[in-house]
Amino acid sequence: MPSFHLLVTPAIAAAVFIPAAMLMSLARFEESRAAAPVVAAMHPEPAPIGVAASSDTAVFAGGCFWGVEAVFEHLKGVSSATSGYAGGSAPSPSYDQVSSGATGHAEAVQVVYDPAQISYDQLLQIFFAVAHDPTQLNRQGPDVGTQYRSAVFYRNTAQRQATESYIAKIRRARLYRDAIVTEVAPLRAFSAAEAYHQDYLLRHPTQPYIVVNDAPKLEHLRRQFPALYHERGVS
């Protein structure tokens, strides 16, 4: 998200900004959904059966991490979702460095989950069907730049194969009008973002950017995947 999203919007400016921005954003949202009308009706991936309780980690990038983090935070079986940076060169990048596009990082979210409660394939389905639009190259909605690219950063061969298999499946099903541009790359490192980025949607639910771009994702998750959805408050 551009740096101005972090500012407190005056009430008068918000009154003008929200309706216009919402119309544009909802138009983009509806266009992306119209491009893939079958995605919403896609059968949910099967829940894990006979898997021992444990803890695993997955890392996804799909535009501004505020909304992606919020989507995964509202999934049963996910114990934490942390906004941060992955896929770049600097060892401990700052938000300003990543926003410049010079480090090669993407805004990403590290998801810690219990494979006995939610599978990696289920996480992939939520990532592709709810958290972002995988057909937008180096952007997501109003945010433009390589730091907003679509990417799955795999931790091991199993995650790489599962990701490639899932992308192949939705390509075969022709669920999207446009080509899927999601990068599948090994996870070299993940750096947590600054504290003010964590739980941003939960802490700022009425912020205009959140209202327009991210709140609809949670509603989509709640309606299309009710078995996986759970409410979450600020910790």
Protein backbone atom coordinates (compact mmCIF):
# COMPACT_ATOMS: atom_id res chain seq x y z
CA MET A 1 0.00 0.00 0.00
CA PRO A 2 1.29 3.53 -0.65
CA SER A 3 2.63 5.33 2.39
CA PHE A 4 -0.39 7.63 2.55
CA HIS A 5 -2.52 4.69 3.65
CA LEU A 6 -0.78 4.90 7.00
CA LEU A 7 -2.02 8.44 7.62
CA VAL A 8 -5.16 9.24 9.52
CA THR A 9 -7.65 10.52 6.96
CA PRO A 10 -9.57 13.63 8.05
CA ALA A 11 -13.30 13.12 8.25
CA ILE A 12 -14.09 15.52 5.42
CA ALA A 13 -11.52 13.98 3.09
CA ALA A 14 -12.75 10.50 3.96
CA ALA A 15 -16.32 11.45 3.15
CA VAL A 16 -15.23 12.38 -0.35
CA PHE A 17 -12.63 9.65 -0.80
CA ILE A 18 -14.52 6.57 0.32
CA PRO A 19 -17.46 6.63 -2.13
CA ALA A 20 -15.28 7.31 -5.18
CA ALA A 21 -12.57 4.88 -4.15
CA MET A 22 -15.11 2.25 -3.22
CA LEU A 23 -16.79 2.46 -6.60
CA MET A 24 -13.45 2.06 -8.39
CA SER A 25 -12.27 -0.72 -6.12
CA LEU A 26 -15.56 -2.61 -6.22
CA ALA A 27 -15.53 -2.31 -10.00
CA ARG A 28 -12.07 -3.89 -10.06
CA PHE A 29 -13.19 -6.53 -7.57
CA GLU A 30 -16.24 -7.44 -9.63
CA GLU A 31 -14.18 -7.45 -12.82
CA SER A 32 -11.66 -9.88 -11.33
CA ARG A 33 -14.47 -12.12 -10.06
CA ALA A 34 -16.24 -11.93 -13.42
CA ALA A 35 -12.98 -13.01 -15.03
CA ALA A 36 -13.13 -16.15 -12.91
CA PRO A 37 -16.81 -16.87 -12.25
CA VAL A 38 -16.16 -20.48 -11.27
CA VAL A 39 -13.69 -19.66 -8.49
CA ALA A 40 -16.40 -18.80 -5.96
CA ALA A 41 -18.28 -22.03 -6.76
CA MET A 42 -15.18 -24.21 -6.66
CA HIS A 43 -15.51 -27.19 -4.33
CA PRO A 44 -13.56 -26.73 -1.10
CA GLU A 45 -10.37 -28.73 -0.84
CA PRO A 46 -10.84 -31.74 1.46
CA ALA A 47 -10.04 -31.37 5.12
CA PRO A 48 -7.11 -33.39 6.45
CA ILE A 49 -7.91 -36.87 7.73
CA GLY A 50 -5.67 -38.95 9.97
CA VAL A 51 -2.97 -36.29 10.14
CA ALA A 52 -1.18 -35.90 13.46
CA ALA A 53 -1.35 -32.51 15.15
CA SER A 54 1.78 -30.48 14.54
CA SER A 55 2.91 -27.07 13.38
CA ASP A 56 3.99 -26.05 9.89
CA THR A 57 4.70 -22.78 8.12
CA ALA A 58 3.71 -21.36 4.74
CA VAL A 59 4.59 -18.01 3.15
CA PHE A 60 2.37 -16.21 0.63
CA ALA A 61 2.58 -12.85 -1.15
CA GLY A 62 -0.48 -11.29 -2.74
CA GLY A 63 -0.29 -7.52 -2.68
CA CYS A 64 -0.64 -5.41 0.45
CA PHE A 65 -0.01 -7.72 3.38
CA TRP A 66 -2.74 -6.13 5.55
CA GLY A 67 -5.55 -7.95 3.75
CA VAL A 68 -3.67 -11.19 3.10
CA GLU A 69 -2.74 -11.42 6.78
CA ALA A 70 -6.34 -10.80 7.84
CA VAL A 71 -7.69 -13.54 5.58
CA PHE A 72 -5.35 -16.18 7.00
CA GLU A 73 -5.91 -14.96 10.56
CA HIS A 74 -9.57 -15.84 10.15
CA LEU A 75 -8.97 -19.49 9.25
CA LYS A 76 -9.51 -22.35 11.65
CA GLY A 77 -6.26 -24.21 12.20
CA VAL A 78 -4.09 -21.12 11.70
CA SER A 79 -2.35 -20.10 14.92
CA SER A 80 -0.66 -16.96 13.56
CA ALA A 81 -0.24 -14.85 10.46
CA THR A 82 2.63 -12.37 10.37
CA SER A 83 3.10 -9.57 7.85
CA GLY A 84 6.63 -9.26 6.52
CA TYR A 85 8.95 -9.39 3.55
CA ALA A 86 10.30 -12.25 1.42
CA GLY A 87 12.03 -12.81 -1.90
CA GLY A 88 14.57 -9.99 -1.78
CA SER A 89 18.24 -9.35 -1.23
CA ALA A 90 18.55 -7.17 1.89
CA PRO A 91 18.78 -9.28 5.09
CA SER A 92 16.50 -7.14 7.29
CA PRO A 93 14.63 -4.70 5.06
CA SER A 94 12.50 -1.85 6.29
CA TYR A 95 9.09 -0.96 4.90
CA ASP A 96 10.55 2.09 3.16
CA GLN A 97 13.26 -0.01 1.51
CA VAL A 98 10.78 -2.60 0.29
CA SER A 99 8.39 0.10 -0.93
CA SER A 100 11.14 1.56 -3.09
CA GLY A 101 11.26 -1.71 -5.06
CA ALA A 102 15.06 -1.72 -4.84
CA THR A 103 15.46 -4.77 -2.59
CA GLY A 104 13.38 -7.19 -4.67
CA HIS A 105 11.20 -8.14 -1.72
CA ALA A 106 7.49 -8.79 -1.85
CA GLU A 107 5.11 -7.91 0.94
CA ALA A 108 4.38 -11.38 2.29
CA VAL A 109 2.61 -13.20 5.10
CA GLN A 110 4.03 -16.06 7.14
CA VAL A 111 1.28 -18.47 8.16
CA VAL A 112 1.74 -20.92 11.03
CA TYR A 113 -0.87 -23.66 10.96
CA ASP A 114 -1.75 -27.13 12.22
CA PRO A 115 -1.83 -29.62 9.29
CA ALA A 116 -4.25 -31.76 11.31
CA GLN A 117 -6.84 -28.97 11.16
CA ILE A 118 -6.16 -27.33 7.79
CA SER A 119 -4.11 -28.67 4.90
CA TYR A 120 -1.59 -26.85 2.72
CA ASP A 121 -3.92 -27.38 -0.25
CA GLN A 122 -6.70 -25.65 1.68
CA LEU A 123 -4.36 -22.71 2.36
CA LEU A 124 -3.55 -22.58 -1.35
CA GLN A 125 -7.24 -22.52 -2.25
CA ILE A 126 -7.88 -19.60 0.10
CA PHE A 127 -4.82 -17.78 -1.22
CA PHE A 128 -5.91 -18.08 -4.86
CA ALA A 129 -9.69 -17.75 -4.41
CA VAL A 130 -9.95 -15.17 -1.63
CA ALA A 131 -6.75 -13.43 -0.57
CA HIS A 132 -5.74 -11.95 -3.92
CA ASP A 133 -6.06 -11.99 -7.71
CA PRO A 134 -3.29 -14.21 -9.16
CA THR A 135 -3.65 -12.74 -12.66
CA GLN A 136 -2.38 -9.26 -11.78
CA LEU A 137 1.30 -8.85 -12.62
CA ASN A 138 3.39 -6.82 -10.17
CA ARG A 139 0.33 -5.18 -8.68
CA GLN A 140 -2.79 -5.86 -6.70
CA GLY A 141 -5.74 -3.53 -7.02
CA PRO A 142 -4.59 0.04 -6.40
CA ASP A 143 -1.05 -0.98 -5.38
CA VAL A 144 1.56 -1.18 -8.13
CA GLY A 145 5.15 -2.47 -8.01
CA THR A 146 7.09 -5.72 -7.78
CA GLN A 147 6.67 -5.59 -4.00
CA TYR A 148 2.98 -6.32 -4.60
CA ARG A 149 3.54 -9.36 -6.83
CA SER A 150 1.76 -12.67 -6.46
CA ALA A 151 4.07 -15.34 -5.08
CA VAL A 152 4.24 -18.56 -3.10
CA PHE A 153 7.54 -19.04 -1.29
CA TYR A 154 7.95 -22.75 -0.63
CA ARG A 155 9.93 -24.15 2.28
CA ASN A 156 10.49 -27.66 0.90
CA THR A 157 9.91 -29.91 -2.08
CA ALA A 158 6.48 -30.97 -0.87
CA GLN A 159 5.25 -27.37 -0.79
CA ARG A 160 6.72 -26.65 -4.21
CA GLN A 161 5.07 -29.70 -5.75
CA ALA A 162 1.74 -28.96 -4.06
CA THR A 163 1.80 -25.36 -5.29
CA GLU A 164 2.72 -26.25 -8.85
CA SER A 165 0.08 -28.98 -8.88
CA TYR A 166 -2.61 -26.62 -7.59
CA ILE A 167 -1.77 -23.92 -10.14
CA ALA A 168 -1.85 -26.55 -12.91
CA LYS A 169 -5.26 -27.71 -11.69
CA ILE A 170 -6.87 -24.27 -11.78
CA ARG A 171 -5.25 -23.59 -15.16
CA ARG A 172 -6.73 -26.80 -16.56
CA ALA A 173 -10.11 -25.79 -15.18
CA ARG A 174 -9.73 -22.39 -16.89
CA LEU A 175 -10.96 -20.64 -13.80
CA TYR A 176 -9.39 -17.37 -14.86
CA ARG A 177 -9.82 -15.47 -18.08
CA ASP A 178 -6.27 -14.10 -17.83
CA ALA A 179 -3.03 -15.97 -17.24
CA ILE A 180 -1.97 -16.80 -13.70
CA VAL A 181 1.27 -14.93 -12.99
CA THR A 182 2.03 -16.26 -9.51
CA GLU A 183 5.74 -16.73 -8.84
CA VAL A 184 6.72 -20.03 -7.19
CA ALA A 185 10.09 -19.57 -5.52
CA PRO A 186 12.12 -21.04 -2.67
CA LEU A 187 11.92 -19.23 0.64
CA ARG A 188 15.37 -17.85 1.39
CA ALA A 189 14.34 -15.80 4.37
CA PHE A 190 11.32 -14.09 5.90
CA SER A 191 11.59 -10.83 7.82
CA ALA A 192 8.71 -9.68 9.97
CA ALA A 193 7.42 -6.22 9.16
CA GLU A 194 7.29 -3.36 11.61
CA ALA A 195 4.93 -3.71 14.58
CA TYR A 196 2.43 -1.15 13.27
CA HIS A 197 1.72 -3.39 10.26
CA GLN A 198 0.73 -6.42 12.36
CA ASP A 199 -3.02 -7.07 12.82
CA TYR A 200 -3.62 -3.88 10.86
CA LEU A 201 -7.14 -4.73 9.71
CA LEU A 202 -8.20 -5.82 13.18
CA ARG A 203 -6.85 -2.62 14.73
CA HIS A 204 -8.06 -0.24 12.01
CA PRO A 205 -11.30 -1.73 10.62
CA THR A 206 -12.69 1.67 9.54
CA GLN A 207 -9.56 2.91 7.77
CA PRO A 208 -10.65 3.78 4.20
CA TYR A 209 -8.10 1.54 2.47
CA ILE A 210 -9.21 -1.39 4.65
CA VAL A 211 -12.92 -0.74 4.11
CA VAL A 212 -12.53 -0.60 0.34
CA ASN A 213 -9.87 -3.21 -0.42
CA ASP A 214 -9.67 -5.74 2.42
CA ALA A 215 -12.95 -6.01 4.32
CA PRO A 216 -14.69 -7.53 1.24
CA LYS A 217 -12.16 -10.37 1.30
CA LEU A 218 -13.24 -11.40 4.78
CA GLU A 219 -16.88 -11.33 3.78
CA HIS A 220 -16.06 -13.48 0.75
CA LEU A 221 -14.19 -15.92 2.99
CA ARG A 222 -17.07 -16.09 5.45
CA ARG A 223 -19.66 -16.76 2.75
CA GLN A 224 -17.74 -19.13 0.48
CA PHE A 225 -15.78 -21.11 3.08
CA PRO A 226 -17.90 -21.08 6.26
CA ALA A 227 -16.38 -24.34 7.52
CA LEU A 228 -12.96 -22.71 7.64
CA TYR A 229 -13.94 -19.26 8.84
CA HIS A 230 -13.71 -18.09 12.41
CA GLU A 231 -14.01 -14.70 14.05
CA ARG A 232 -10.93 -13.15 15.55
CA GLY A 233 -10.49 -10.14 17.79
CA VAL A 234 -7.45 -8.03 18.53
CA SER A 235 -5.12 -9.88 20.84
